[in-house]
Amino acid sequence: MSDEPLRILQVLRAPVGGLFRHVGDLTEALAARGHTVGVIADTLSGDARTEAKFEAIKPFASLGIHRMPMPRLFGAADITTPLKLRGLAKEFGIDVLHGHGAKGGLAVRLVRMGNGAMVALYTPHGGVLHYPQGSISGKVFRFLERAMLSQTDAMIFESAFAAEAFRRGIATPACPAPVIHNGLTPAEFEPVVAGRDAFDFVYVGEFRALKGITYLLDALVDVHAPDGRPATLIMAGAGPDFEDTKARIAALGLGDRVHLAGVQPARQMFGRGRCAVVPSLNESLPYVVLEAASAQLPVIATNVGGIAEIFGPTSGSLLPAADAPALRHAMQSFMDDPAAAATEMQTRLEFIRSRFSVAHMTDQIEALYRQVIAARRAA
């Protein structure tokens, strides 16, 4: 059993952002260990780089990449897609269904109901916890989460923060529910050197209110270099608030200081900025913080989600969320003393180098797959 190759389906809704990156890394690593993997993703969402990312993981997804409709909230596809997924899983003889995010997790556990031949694991990635508790969608998703726990063979939390938030907001899982941090590849620990024409700050992420972009722009207004030159910012990404962000830049008179680069690879963008800024109002364990730190950039970030787990011994420098003055002070401190920021960066780098790797992440997830399969067969 311990050496037996597994047949695995990774299921997610939106093929964008850190969740998609996690699924891609896991798919490649599992395939390298001899497992047969397929990927199921939504047909209704994506960004400018989605197809290129699918092409990159296609060689490792020997069971194929399949697109099925998965609405963000609720729709007829919440019934039809699990039925299609069940047929696909039966056709492929799947051992493990691994759902990522609220909709991916719901789909795999609906498939598992009444099927003793496969196990269902669920990684929330924040998921349902991003929906306000008082909203109708938040109440419905929380109800479904509690109801689906009986169909969950194991849960994986990417941060201790996420695990505690789930227990506090939903329930304590009766199944195995370890914290397994996301990991980076060895190549990502190679330094990225900023060019001579680099911007002072770089933001990489979605353009949505949850990411704290408004506070970042407000903070930038009064940040200057020691010689009086106004600080500059390059922003990469897309999202529902992109046009609002453009309007905010214009209203603040930042048109000459902020460059919008569109959707770009994070590592490429790190070469165009001297300090990464992550002003989020809510997170789980954001890849962009890990990626910037491993690329050896100083990072200014808010104390939300599991970011403190990444910052480790440097977590004292994390900022309160939704606090433009605190963000402005941190950005000005970087401008005034970049050497101090570089020293802190090295401390953070050594902390994450030994704790966050794709190999370590995959070791733990693979062992959990085998553990729950053995438990299901013994039941």
Protein backbone atom coordinates (compact mmCIF):
# COMPACT_ATOMS: atom_id res chain seq x y z
CA MET A 1 0.00 0.00 0.00
CA SER A 2 2.74 2.49 0.96
CA ASP A 3 4.42 2.27 -2.47
CA GLU A 4 1.24 2.00 -4.51
CA PRO A 5 0.84 4.81 -7.08
CA LEU A 6 -2.35 6.77 -6.54
CA ARG A 7 -4.89 8.15 -8.98
CA ILE A 8 -5.76 11.67 -7.90
CA LEU A 9 -8.07 14.46 -9.04
CA GLN A 10 -7.31 18.02 -7.91
CA VAL A 11 -10.50 20.11 -8.04
CA LEU A 12 -10.69 23.90 -7.80
CA ARG A 13 -13.00 26.65 -8.98
CA ALA A 14 -11.11 29.75 -10.14
CA PRO A 15 -7.77 28.93 -11.86
CA VAL A 16 -6.08 32.13 -10.67
CA GLY A 17 -3.86 33.33 -7.85
CA GLY A 18 -2.10 31.41 -5.11
CA LEU A 19 -4.64 28.59 -4.95
CA PHE A 20 -4.01 27.74 -8.60
CA ARG A 21 -0.27 27.99 -8.09
CA HIS A 22 -0.57 25.53 -5.16
CA VAL A 23 -2.54 23.05 -7.29
CA GLY A 24 0.03 23.34 -10.08
CA ASP A 25 2.97 22.75 -7.75
CA LEU A 26 1.24 19.80 -6.10
CA THR A 27 0.27 18.26 -9.43
CA GLU A 28 3.84 18.44 -10.73
CA ALA A 29 5.36 17.08 -7.51
CA LEU A 30 2.90 14.19 -7.24
CA ALA A 31 3.45 13.24 -10.89
CA ALA A 32 7.22 13.21 -10.28
CA ARG A 33 6.60 10.63 -7.55
CA GLY A 34 4.77 8.32 -9.93
CA HIS A 35 1.17 9.24 -9.18
CA THR A 36 -1.45 9.78 -11.89
CA VAL A 37 -3.09 13.19 -11.57
CA GLY A 38 -5.89 15.13 -13.23
CA VAL A 39 -7.11 18.69 -12.69
CA ILE A 40 -10.71 19.92 -12.71
CA ALA A 41 -11.32 23.70 -12.90
CA ASP A 42 -14.08 26.18 -13.60
CA THR A 43 -14.94 27.21 -17.15
CA LEU A 44 -16.35 30.56 -16.00
CA SER A 45 -13.27 32.26 -14.55
CA GLY A 46 -9.60 32.94 -15.19
CA ASP A 47 -7.25 35.75 -16.10
CA ALA A 48 -4.83 36.68 -18.87
CA ARG A 49 -2.32 34.02 -17.80
CA THR A 50 -4.69 31.14 -17.04
CA GLU A 51 -4.22 29.27 -20.32
CA ALA A 52 -0.43 29.58 -20.15
CA LYS A 53 -0.50 28.16 -16.63
CA PHE A 54 -2.64 25.25 -17.77
CA GLU A 55 -0.16 24.56 -20.55
CA ALA A 56 2.65 24.53 -17.99
CA ILE A 57 1.03 21.84 -15.83
CA LYS A 58 -0.46 19.80 -18.68
CA PRO A 59 2.59 17.48 -18.98
CA PHE A 60 2.11 16.47 -15.33
CA ALA A 61 -1.67 16.01 -15.48
CA SER A 62 -1.79 12.64 -17.23
CA LEU A 63 -5.51 12.30 -16.47
CA GLY A 64 -6.06 15.57 -18.28
CA ILE A 65 -7.25 19.06 -17.46
CA HIS A 66 -11.03 19.27 -17.49
CA ARG A 67 -13.12 22.44 -17.36
CA MET A 68 -16.58 22.40 -15.81
CA PRO A 69 -18.81 25.31 -14.74
CA MET A 70 -18.52 26.19 -11.04
CA PRO A 71 -20.34 29.44 -10.21
CA ARG A 72 -18.85 31.56 -7.44
CA LEU A 73 -22.13 31.60 -5.54
CA PHE A 74 -24.90 29.18 -6.50
CA GLY A 75 -26.42 27.87 -9.73
CA ALA A 76 -27.59 24.80 -11.61
CA ALA A 77 -23.95 23.78 -12.15
CA ASP A 78 -23.70 23.01 -8.42
CA ILE A 79 -25.80 19.96 -9.24
CA THR A 80 -24.64 19.09 -12.76
CA THR A 81 -20.89 19.53 -12.18
CA PRO A 82 -20.65 17.06 -9.25
CA LEU A 83 -22.57 14.54 -11.36
CA LYS A 84 -20.08 14.98 -14.23
CA LEU A 85 -17.20 14.80 -11.76
CA ARG A 86 -18.57 11.60 -10.27
CA GLY A 87 -18.70 10.02 -13.73
CA LEU A 88 -15.16 11.13 -14.49
CA ALA A 89 -13.86 9.83 -11.16
CA LYS A 90 -15.50 6.46 -11.74
CA GLU A 91 -14.12 6.27 -15.29
CA PHE A 92 -10.58 7.01 -14.12
CA GLY A 93 -10.73 4.74 -11.05
CA ILE A 94 -9.82 7.63 -8.75
CA ASP A 95 -8.39 6.95 -5.28
CA VAL A 96 -8.23 10.53 -4.02
CA LEU A 97 -10.43 13.56 -4.65
CA HIS A 98 -8.74 16.70 -3.36
CA GLY A 99 -10.91 19.81 -3.37
CA HIS A 100 -9.41 23.29 -3.07
CA GLY A 101 -11.45 26.31 -2.02
CA ALA A 102 -15.10 26.31 -0.94
CA LYS A 103 -16.54 25.18 -4.30
CA GLY A 104 -13.85 22.61 -5.03
CA GLY A 105 -14.32 21.19 -1.54
CA LEU A 106 -18.09 21.04 -1.91
CA ALA A 107 -17.86 19.25 -5.27
CA VAL A 108 -15.50 16.48 -4.12
CA ARG A 109 -17.48 15.77 -0.99
CA LEU A 110 -20.72 15.53 -2.94
CA VAL A 111 -19.00 12.98 -5.17
CA ARG A 112 -17.73 11.03 -2.16
CA MET A 113 -21.24 10.59 -0.69
CA GLY A 114 -22.15 6.94 -0.92
CA ASN A 115 -18.93 6.01 -2.74
CA GLY A 116 -16.61 3.78 -0.77
CA ALA A 117 -13.96 3.52 -3.50
CA MET A 118 -12.42 6.96 -3.05
CA VAL A 119 -11.56 9.46 -0.33
CA ALA A 120 -12.19 13.21 -0.27
CA LEU A 121 -9.77 15.75 1.15
CA TYR A 122 -10.45 19.45 1.41
CA THR A 123 -8.13 22.46 1.62
CA PRO A 124 -10.25 25.60 2.26
CA HIS A 125 -7.59 28.20 1.27
CA GLY A 126 -9.62 30.75 3.23
CA GLY A 127 -12.61 30.01 1.01
CA VAL A 128 -15.86 30.22 2.94
CA LEU A 129 -14.27 32.37 5.65
CA HIS A 130 -14.02 35.25 3.16
CA TYR A 131 -17.82 35.48 3.03
CA PRO A 132 -19.25 37.83 5.73
CA GLN A 133 -20.99 35.85 8.46
CA GLY A 134 -24.11 38.02 8.29
CA SER A 135 -24.56 37.70 4.51
CA ILE A 136 -26.93 35.17 2.98
CA SER A 137 -24.08 33.53 1.03
CA GLY A 138 -21.94 33.40 4.18
CA LYS A 139 -24.71 31.70 6.18
CA VAL A 140 -25.41 29.19 3.40
CA PHE A 141 -21.75 28.30 2.86
CA ARG A 142 -21.17 27.88 6.60
CA PHE A 143 -24.19 25.59 6.83
CA LEU A 144 -22.88 23.52 3.92
CA GLU A 145 -19.41 23.35 5.47
CA ARG A 146 -20.83 21.89 8.67
CA ALA A 147 -23.04 19.48 6.76
CA MET A 148 -20.15 18.28 4.57
CA LEU A 149 -17.77 17.52 7.45
CA SER A 150 -19.29 14.04 7.70
CA GLN A 151 -18.17 13.45 4.09
CA THR A 152 -14.61 14.70 4.66
CA ASP A 153 -11.83 12.16 5.14
CA ALA A 154 -9.25 14.84 5.95
CA MET A 155 -8.78 18.59 5.84
CA ILE A 156 -5.55 20.44 5.14
CA PHE A 157 -5.01 23.95 6.47
CA GLU A 158 -2.23 25.96 4.86
CA SER A 159 -1.72 27.98 8.04
CA ALA A 160 -2.38 27.70 11.76
CA PHE A 161 -4.40 30.88 11.41
CA ALA A 162 -6.70 29.23 8.85
CA ALA A 163 -7.15 26.18 11.06
CA GLU A 164 -8.14 28.27 14.06
CA ALA A 165 -10.44 30.50 11.98
CA PHE A 166 -12.24 27.44 10.63
CA ARG A 167 -12.70 25.95 14.09
CA ARG A 168 -13.94 29.26 15.43
CA GLY A 169 -16.24 30.11 12.51
CA ILE A 170 -17.44 26.67 11.37
CA ALA A 171 -16.60 23.69 13.58
CA THR A 172 -13.76 21.50 14.80
CA PRO A 173 -13.22 18.75 12.21
CA ALA A 174 -13.50 15.20 13.53
CA CYS A 175 -11.26 14.00 10.70
CA PRO A 176 -7.47 14.48 10.50
CA ALA A 177 -6.84 18.21 9.93
CA PRO A 178 -3.11 19.04 9.88
CA VAL A 179 -1.49 22.37 9.05
CA ILE A 180 0.68 21.93 5.95
CA HIS A 181 2.33 25.12 4.77
CA ASN A 182 2.63 25.94 1.09
CA GLY A 183 6.10 25.43 -0.37
CA LEU A 184 8.54 26.98 -2.82
CA THR A 185 10.87 25.42 -5.36
CA PRO A 186 14.67 25.64 -4.97
CA ALA A 187 14.88 28.00 -7.96
CA GLU A 188 12.67 30.51 -6.16
CA PHE A 189 15.35 31.08 -3.55
CA GLU A 190 17.67 32.53 -6.17
CA PRO A 191 17.88 36.31 -5.66
CA VAL A 192 16.11 38.69 -8.01
CA VAL A 193 18.17 41.82 -8.62
CA ALA A 194 16.21 45.00 -9.23
CA GLY A 195 17.22 46.94 -12.34
CA ARG A 196 18.55 50.49 -12.24
CA ASP A 197 15.17 51.80 -13.40
CA ALA A 198 13.24 49.83 -10.76
CA PHE A 199 10.31 51.39 -8.93
CA ASP A 200 10.61 51.94 -5.20
CA PHE A 201 7.69 49.63 -4.40
CA VAL A 202 5.96 46.73 -6.12
CA TYR A 203 2.49 45.30 -5.56
CA VAL A 204 1.52 41.94 -7.09
CA GLY A 205 -1.99 40.63 -6.57
CA GLU A 206 -5.67 40.99 -7.28
CA PHE A 207 -7.31 44.36 -7.67
CA ARG A 208 -10.04 44.01 -5.08
CA ALA A 209 -10.95 45.80 -1.85
CA LEU A 210 -9.85 42.84 0.28
CA LYS A 211 -6.25 43.41 -0.81
CA GLY A 212 -6.05 46.88 0.80
CA ILE A 213 -5.06 48.72 -2.37
CA THR A 214 -6.85 51.92 -1.33
CA TYR A 215 -4.70 52.16 1.80
CA LEU A 216 -1.55 51.55 -0.23
CA LEU A 217 -2.32 54.40 -2.62
CA ASP A 218 -3.28 56.74 0.23
CA ALA A 219 0.00 55.92 1.98
CA LEU A 220 2.11 56.47 -1.13
CA VAL A 221 1.02 60.11 -1.53
CA ASP A 222 3.43 61.50 1.08
CA VAL A 223 6.32 59.02 0.76
CA HIS A 224 9.55 60.50 -0.62
CA ALA A 225 13.21 59.63 -1.10
CA PRO A 226 15.72 61.48 1.14
CA ASP A 227 16.43 63.89 -1.74
CA GLY A 228 12.73 64.78 -1.95
CA ARG A 229 11.90 62.67 -5.02
CA PRO A 230 8.36 61.24 -4.74
CA ALA A 231 8.31 57.47 -4.23
CA THR A 232 7.09 55.30 -7.11
CA LEU A 233 5.01 52.13 -7.30
CA ILE A 234 4.43 49.45 -9.93
CA MET A 235 1.31 47.31 -9.63
CA ALA A 236 0.67 43.99 -11.38
CA GLY A 237 -2.60 42.09 -11.49
CA ALA A 238 -6.24 42.30 -12.43
CA GLY A 239 -9.57 42.09 -10.69
CA PRO A 240 -13.03 43.54 -10.15
CA ASP A 241 -11.71 46.83 -8.71
CA PHE A 242 -9.18 47.57 -11.45
CA GLU A 243 -11.10 50.52 -12.88
CA ASP A 244 -11.79 51.90 -9.40
CA THR A 245 -8.06 51.69 -8.71
CA LYS A 246 -7.26 53.65 -11.86
CA ALA A 247 -9.75 56.31 -10.80
CA ARG A 248 -8.23 56.46 -7.32
CA ILE A 249 -4.74 56.91 -8.75
CA ALA A 250 -5.97 59.82 -10.84
CA ALA A 251 -7.89 61.41 -7.96
CA LEU A 252 -4.79 61.32 -5.75
CA GLY A 253 -2.60 62.82 -8.45
CA LEU A 254 -0.42 59.71 -8.63
CA GLY A 255 -0.59 59.21 -12.38
CA ASP A 256 3.13 59.92 -12.87
CA ARG A 257 4.18 57.78 -9.90
CA VAL A 258 2.14 54.58 -10.29
CA HIS A 259 2.51 52.21 -13.23
CA LEU A 260 -0.11 49.52 -13.91
CA ALA A 261 1.65 46.56 -15.52
CA GLY A 262 -1.31 44.20 -16.02
CA VAL A 263 -1.17 40.50 -15.18
CA GLN A 264 2.49 39.47 -14.94
CA PRO A 265 4.51 36.67 -13.30
CA ALA A 266 5.33 37.64 -9.71
CA ARG A 267 9.02 36.85 -9.95
CA GLN A 268 9.36 38.98 -13.07
CA MET A 269 7.73 41.87 -11.26
CA PHE A 270 10.06 41.54 -8.28
CA GLY A 271 12.87 42.61 -10.60
CA ARG A 272 11.03 45.87 -11.22
CA GLY A 273 10.65 46.98 -7.60
CA ARG A 274 12.98 47.41 -4.64
CA CYS A 275 10.46 46.55 -1.90
CA ALA A 276 7.29 44.46 -2.06
CA VAL A 277 4.15 45.74 -0.35
CA VAL A 278 1.29 43.46 0.73
CA PRO A 279 -1.38 45.68 2.34
CA SER A 280 -4.09 43.00 2.60
CA LEU A 281 -7.10 43.25 4.88
CA ASN A 282 -7.59 39.48 4.93
CA GLU A 283 -5.40 36.54 3.87
CA SER A 284 -4.70 32.90 4.64
CA LEU A 285 -1.08 32.12 3.71
CA PRO A 286 -0.33 34.34 0.69
CA TYR A 287 2.17 33.01 -1.81
CA VAL A 288 3.21 36.52 -2.78
CA VAL A 289 4.81 37.05 0.65
CA LEU A 290 6.72 33.78 0.38
CA GLU A 291 7.74 34.51 -3.20
CA ALA A 292 8.94 38.04 -2.47
CA ALA A 293 10.86 36.93 0.61
CA SER A 294 12.52 34.04 -1.23
CA ALA A 295 13.43 36.39 -4.09
CA GLN A 296 15.25 38.42 -1.43
CA LEU A 297 13.12 41.54 -1.51
CA PRO A 298 12.27 43.46 1.63
CA VAL A 299 8.55 43.03 2.33
CA ILE A 300 6.11 45.41 4.00
CA ALA A 301 2.95 43.55 5.00
CA THR A 302 -0.05 43.67 7.27
CA ASN A 303 -0.56 41.35 10.24
CA VAL A 304 -3.45 39.34 8.81
CA GLY A 305 -4.02 35.63 8.31
CA GLY A 306 -0.93 33.47 8.43
CA ILE A 307 1.54 36.15 7.32
CA ALA A 308 3.11 36.13 10.80
CA GLU A 309 3.88 32.42 10.27
CA ILE A 310 5.97 33.42 7.24
CA PHE A 311 7.62 36.41 8.89
CA GLY A 312 8.67 34.32 11.90
CA PRO A 313 11.32 36.23 13.88
CA THR A 314 10.58 39.40 11.91
CA SER A 315 6.82 39.39 12.62
CA GLY A 316 7.22 42.40 14.91
CA SER A 317 7.44 44.59 11.80
CA LEU A 318 3.99 43.58 10.53
CA LEU A 319 1.45 46.40 10.34
CA PRO A 320 -2.19 46.70 11.36
CA ALA A 321 -4.59 46.29 8.45
CA ALA A 322 -6.55 49.24 7.04
CA ASP A 323 -4.08 51.74 8.50
CA ALA A 324 -2.71 54.11 5.86
CA PRO A 325 -0.58 56.14 8.33
CA ALA A 326 1.17 52.98 9.59
CA LEU A 327 1.74 51.86 6.00
CA ARG A 328 3.07 55.30 5.08
CA HIS A 329 5.51 55.21 8.02
CA ALA A 330 6.82 51.75 7.03
CA MET A 331 7.26 52.78 3.40
CA GLN A 332 9.03 55.97 4.41
CA SER A 333 11.31 53.98 6.72
CA PHE A 334 12.32 51.80 3.79
CA MET A 335 13.10 54.89 1.70
CA ASP A 336 15.16 56.39 4.53
CA ASP A 337 17.10 53.23 5.47
CA PRO A 338 17.04 50.46 2.84
CA ALA A 339 20.05 48.78 4.50
CA ALA A 340 18.03 48.07 7.64
CA ALA A 341 15.26 46.58 5.49
CA ALA A 342 17.84 44.37 3.73
CA THR A 343 19.14 43.08 7.08
CA GLU A 344 15.63 42.15 8.17
CA MET A 345 15.06 40.49 4.80
CA GLN A 346 18.03 38.18 5.35
CA THR A 347 16.70 37.09 8.73
CA ARG A 348 13.33 36.31 7.17
CA LEU A 349 14.95 34.48 4.25
CA GLU A 350 16.79 32.07 6.53
CA PHE A 351 13.57 31.37 8.45
CA ILE A 352 11.51 30.43 5.39
CA ARG A 353 14.30 28.59 3.57
CA SER A 354 14.23 25.75 6.11
CA ARG A 355 10.45 25.59 6.56
CA PHE A 356 8.68 26.25 3.25
CA SER A 357 9.53 23.90 0.36
CA VAL A 358 7.45 22.07 -2.23
CA ALA A 359 9.20 18.80 -1.32
CA HIS A 360 8.29 19.10 2.37
CA MET A 361 4.72 20.13 1.51
CA THR A 362 4.27 17.17 -0.85
CA ASP A 363 5.78 14.69 1.64
CA GLN A 364 3.10 15.61 4.14
CA ILE A 365 0.18 15.67 1.69
CA GLU A 366 1.16 12.35 0.11
CA ALA A 367 1.43 10.74 3.56
CA LEU A 368 -2.01 12.10 4.46
CA TYR A 369 -3.52 10.66 1.26
CA ARG A 370 -2.19 7.23 2.19
CA GLN A 371 -3.31 7.58 5.81
CA VAL A 372 -6.92 8.33 4.94
CA ILE A 373 -7.07 5.64 2.23
CA ALA A 374 -5.86 3.07 4.73
CA ALA A 375 -8.39 4.27 7.31
CA ARG A 376 -11.25 4.13 4.78
CA ARG A 377 -10.31 0.60 3.70
CA ALA A 378 -10.08 -0.55 7.31
CA ALA A 379 -13.47 0.90 8.24
